[in-house]
């Protein structure tokens, strides 16, 4: 089953607009009793303007127009983590969290400051480490998972994806030469590697 909830926590419609509730996760009722749960979030947290699917952010009784997205992301992930710790029985359900999918919008992160984005990139970053360092959102994911009581397996695809600055649709994406797509991936391409890792991990976890 595919559950389309890019933020994991709830977005509700009210008389003042759409509210992203960082401490509410009512949609979690759909996830109970599933044999394998695979979660993923971050891509949509940086969207603004017409692509942003909410008008306000709420935590507790406090409602505001916006806040630091990385801070909001951590609050939401902690809400999700509490749900997993409360509702998941590890003997019946295996939980995976796919790491953060990075974009390539700043060439200085991979050692090419003259490159504004992924346009014209035809080769990956050589080596096994990314010059720009760890993705901040991925560090948040790791921090939250380490604090949890129930086991969650991190599918850490971030670094290997950071190295693939050449793997995006670029000018061949959704907007053609009028727009750059440096956050999605070509198919076939990088996501196939993610799927192979998920498949291998699933078999290993089943054997153990």
Protein backbone atom coordinates (compact mmCIF):
# COMPACT_ATOMS: atom_id res chain seq x y z
CA UNK A 1 0.00 0.00 0.00
CA UNK A 2 1.28 3.45 -0.91
CA UNK A 3 0.29 6.14 1.63
CA UNK A 4 0.98 9.60 0.21
CA UNK A 5 1.95 11.71 3.22
CA UNK A 6 5.09 13.65 2.40
CA UNK A 7 5.39 15.15 5.90
CA UNK A 8 4.38 12.06 7.94
CA UNK A 9 2.45 14.36 10.30
CA UNK A 10 -1.01 15.74 9.51
CA UNK A 11 -2.16 18.57 7.28
CA UNK A 12 -5.71 19.65 8.14
CA UNK A 13 -8.07 22.15 6.53
CA UNK A 14 -9.50 24.80 8.86
CA UNK A 15 -11.35 28.08 8.54
CA UNK A 16 -8.04 29.97 8.46
CA UNK A 17 -6.38 27.69 5.92
CA UNK A 18 -4.37 24.48 5.71
CA UNK A 19 -2.37 23.75 8.84
CA UNK A 20 0.67 21.48 9.12
CA UNK A 21 0.39 20.02 12.63
CA UNK A 22 3.82 18.96 13.76
CA UNK A 23 2.59 17.04 16.79
CA UNK A 24 -0.37 15.24 15.19
CA UNK A 25 -0.18 11.97 13.29
CA UNK A 26 -3.76 10.72 12.93
CA UNK A 27 -2.96 9.13 9.57
CA UNK A 28 -0.86 6.64 11.50
CA UNK A 29 -4.00 4.55 12.03
CA UNK A 30 -3.54 3.35 8.43
CA UNK A 31 -0.13 1.90 9.27
CA UNK A 32 -1.12 -0.36 12.15
CA UNK A 33 -0.73 -4.09 11.61
CA UNK A 34 1.34 -3.77 8.42
CA UNK A 35 4.08 -6.41 8.08
CA UNK A 36 6.69 -4.02 6.67
CA UNK A 37 6.62 -0.22 6.97
CA UNK A 38 8.94 1.91 4.84
CA UNK A 39 8.96 5.62 5.66
CA UNK A 40 10.50 8.51 3.77
CA UNK A 41 10.36 12.28 4.22
CA UNK A 42 12.21 15.55 3.56
CA UNK A 43 11.84 16.29 -0.16
CA UNK A 44 8.75 18.47 0.29
CA UNK A 45 9.86 20.26 3.45
CA UNK A 46 11.75 22.93 1.50
CA UNK A 47 8.96 23.72 -0.97
CA UNK A 48 7.52 27.23 -0.84
CA UNK A 49 4.93 29.25 -2.75
CA UNK A 50 2.36 27.38 -4.82
CA UNK A 51 4.15 24.05 -4.27
CA UNK A 52 3.77 24.33 -0.49
CA UNK A 53 0.68 22.32 0.53
CA UNK A 54 0.05 24.17 3.81
CA UNK A 55 -0.55 27.77 4.93
CA UNK A 56 0.41 27.60 8.62
CA UNK A 57 2.50 25.46 10.96
CA UNK A 58 1.16 24.41 14.35
CA UNK A 59 2.92 22.95 17.38
CA UNK A 60 0.72 22.56 20.43
CA UNK A 61 -1.49 25.65 20.60
CA UNK A 62 0.99 27.86 18.75
CA UNK A 63 0.24 28.63 15.10
CA UNK A 64 2.64 30.54 12.86
CA UNK A 65 3.10 31.28 9.18
CA UNK A 66 6.48 29.57 8.92
CA UNK A 67 9.55 28.46 10.84
CA UNK A 68 12.99 27.00 10.22
CA UNK A 69 12.20 23.96 8.09
CA UNK A 70 14.95 21.82 9.58
CA UNK A 71 13.60 22.53 13.08
CA UNK A 72 10.07 21.71 11.93
CA UNK A 73 11.33 18.51 10.33
CA UNK A 74 12.92 17.35 13.57
CA UNK A 75 9.76 18.06 15.56
CA UNK A 76 7.69 16.10 13.04
CA UNK A 77 10.12 13.17 13.03
CA UNK A 78 9.99 13.02 16.82
CA UNK A 79 6.19 12.84 16.57
CA UNK A 80 6.57 9.97 14.10
CA UNK A 81 9.14 8.28 16.37
CA UNK A 82 6.74 8.39 19.32
CA UNK A 83 4.06 6.83 17.14
CA UNK A 84 6.38 3.96 16.17
CA UNK A 85 7.51 3.40 19.76
CA UNK A 86 3.89 3.31 20.91
CA UNK A 87 2.20 1.38 18.11
CA UNK A 88 4.69 -1.02 16.50
CA UNK A 89 5.26 -4.58 17.68
CA UNK A 90 8.75 -5.52 16.37
CA UNK A 91 7.87 -9.23 16.40
CA UNK A 92 5.18 -8.57 13.79
CA UNK A 93 6.30 -5.44 11.94
CA UNK A 94 9.66 -4.43 10.49
CA UNK A 95 10.23 -0.70 10.12
CA UNK A 96 12.55 0.94 7.61
CA UNK A 97 13.30 4.62 7.10
CA UNK A 98 14.79 5.65 3.79
CA UNK A 99 17.39 8.35 4.25
CA UNK A 100 17.28 11.81 2.74
CA UNK A 101 17.41 12.16 -1.05
CA UNK A 102 19.81 15.06 -1.75
CA UNK A 103 19.65 17.67 -4.50
CA UNK A 104 22.52 19.29 -6.39
CA UNK A 105 21.80 23.00 -6.57
CA UNK A 106 25.19 24.36 -5.52
CA UNK A 107 28.39 23.26 -7.22
CA UNK A 108 30.58 24.41 -4.34
CA UNK A 109 29.30 21.42 -2.38
CA UNK A 110 31.02 19.03 -4.79
CA UNK A 111 34.10 21.14 -5.48
CA UNK A 112 32.91 23.03 -8.58
CA UNK A 113 31.94 26.52 -7.33
CA UNK A 114 31.41 27.70 -10.91
CA UNK A 115 28.52 25.23 -11.30
CA UNK A 116 25.25 26.77 -10.12
CA UNK A 117 23.37 23.46 -10.29
CA UNK A 118 23.40 20.01 -11.93
CA UNK A 119 23.23 21.32 -15.50
CA UNK A 120 25.78 19.68 -17.76
CA UNK A 121 27.03 17.22 -15.13
CA UNK A 122 27.98 13.94 -16.82
CA UNK A 123 30.17 12.24 -14.20
CA UNK A 124 29.67 11.38 -10.53
CA UNK A 125 31.85 12.71 -7.73
CA UNK A 126 34.87 10.42 -7.54
CA UNK A 127 35.64 8.62 -4.29
CA UNK A 128 33.43 7.56 -1.41
CA UNK A 129 33.04 10.85 0.48
CA UNK A 130 31.12 13.98 -0.48
CA UNK A 131 33.12 17.24 -0.33
CA UNK A 132 30.08 19.14 0.97
CA UNK A 133 29.81 16.92 4.02
CA UNK A 134 26.76 15.36 5.58
CA UNK A 135 23.28 16.47 4.63
CA UNK A 136 21.79 18.37 7.63
CA UNK A 137 18.42 16.66 7.26
CA UNK A 138 20.08 13.24 7.25
CA UNK A 139 21.80 14.11 10.53
CA UNK A 140 18.37 14.90 11.98
CA UNK A 141 17.07 11.51 10.83
CA UNK A 142 20.00 9.71 12.45
CA UNK A 143 19.57 11.68 15.68
CA UNK A 144 15.88 10.81 15.95
CA UNK A 145 16.36 7.12 15.11
CA UNK A 146 19.07 6.81 17.76
CA UNK A 147 16.65 8.09 20.40
CA UNK A 148 13.93 5.52 19.63
CA UNK A 149 13.00 2.51 21.73
CA UNK A 150 11.78 0.31 18.87
CA UNK A 151 14.20 -0.88 16.14
CA UNK A 152 14.08 1.05 12.86
CA UNK A 153 16.51 0.21 10.06
CA UNK A 154 17.95 3.24 8.27
CA UNK A 155 18.32 2.76 4.52
CA UNK A 156 21.18 5.22 4.32
CA UNK A 157 21.11 6.21 0.66
CA UNK A 158 22.16 9.83 1.20
CA UNK A 159 25.92 9.75 0.65
CA UNK A 160 25.79 7.44 -2.36
CA UNK A 161 23.17 9.75 -3.87
CA UNK A 162 25.19 12.87 -3.09
CA UNK A 163 27.98 11.44 -5.23
CA UNK A 164 25.63 11.21 -8.23
CA UNK A 165 25.53 14.87 -9.24
CA UNK A 166 25.08 13.56 -12.79
CA UNK A 167 21.96 11.54 -12.02
CA UNK A 168 19.24 14.21 -12.24
CA UNK A 169 16.90 15.00 -15.18
CA UNK A 170 18.49 18.48 -15.31
CA UNK A 171 17.12 20.47 -18.27
CA UNK A 172 15.40 17.31 -19.52
CA UNK A 173 13.08 17.28 -16.50
CA UNK A 174 9.63 18.71 -15.86
CA UNK A 175 10.31 22.22 -17.17
CA UNK A 176 12.63 21.57 -20.07
CA UNK A 177 15.27 24.23 -20.72
CA UNK A 178 13.13 26.79 -18.87
CA UNK A 179 13.60 25.02 -15.56
CA UNK A 180 16.21 22.86 -13.83
CA UNK A 181 15.30 19.63 -12.08
CA UNK A 182 18.20 18.84 -9.76
CA UNK A 183 16.18 17.19 -6.98
CA UNK A 184 14.50 14.28 -8.80
CA UNK A 185 16.35 11.38 -10.41
CA UNK A 186 16.48 9.84 -13.87
CA UNK A 187 14.86 6.45 -14.32
CA UNK A 188 16.50 4.05 -14.72
CA UNK A 189 19.05 5.47 -12.31
CA UNK A 190 19.89 6.16 -8.70
CA UNK A 191 16.54 4.99 -7.22
CA UNK A 192 17.18 1.54 -8.69
CA UNK A 193 20.17 1.29 -6.37
CA UNK A 194 17.97 2.29 -3.44
CA UNK A 195 15.57 -0.52 -4.36
CA UNK A 196 18.38 -3.05 -4.60
CA UNK A 197 19.58 -2.10 -1.13
CA UNK A 198 16.04 -2.37 0.23
CA UNK A 199 15.63 -5.79 -1.35
CA UNK A 200 18.95 -7.07 0.01
CA UNK A 201 18.22 -5.67 3.48
CA UNK A 202 14.75 -7.23 3.50
CA UNK A 203 16.17 -10.68 2.74
CA UNK A 204 18.86 -10.33 5.40
CA UNK A 205 16.44 -9.12 8.07
CA UNK A 206 14.07 -11.99 7.21
CA UNK A 207 16.87 -14.55 7.67
CA UNK A 208 17.75 -13.13 11.07
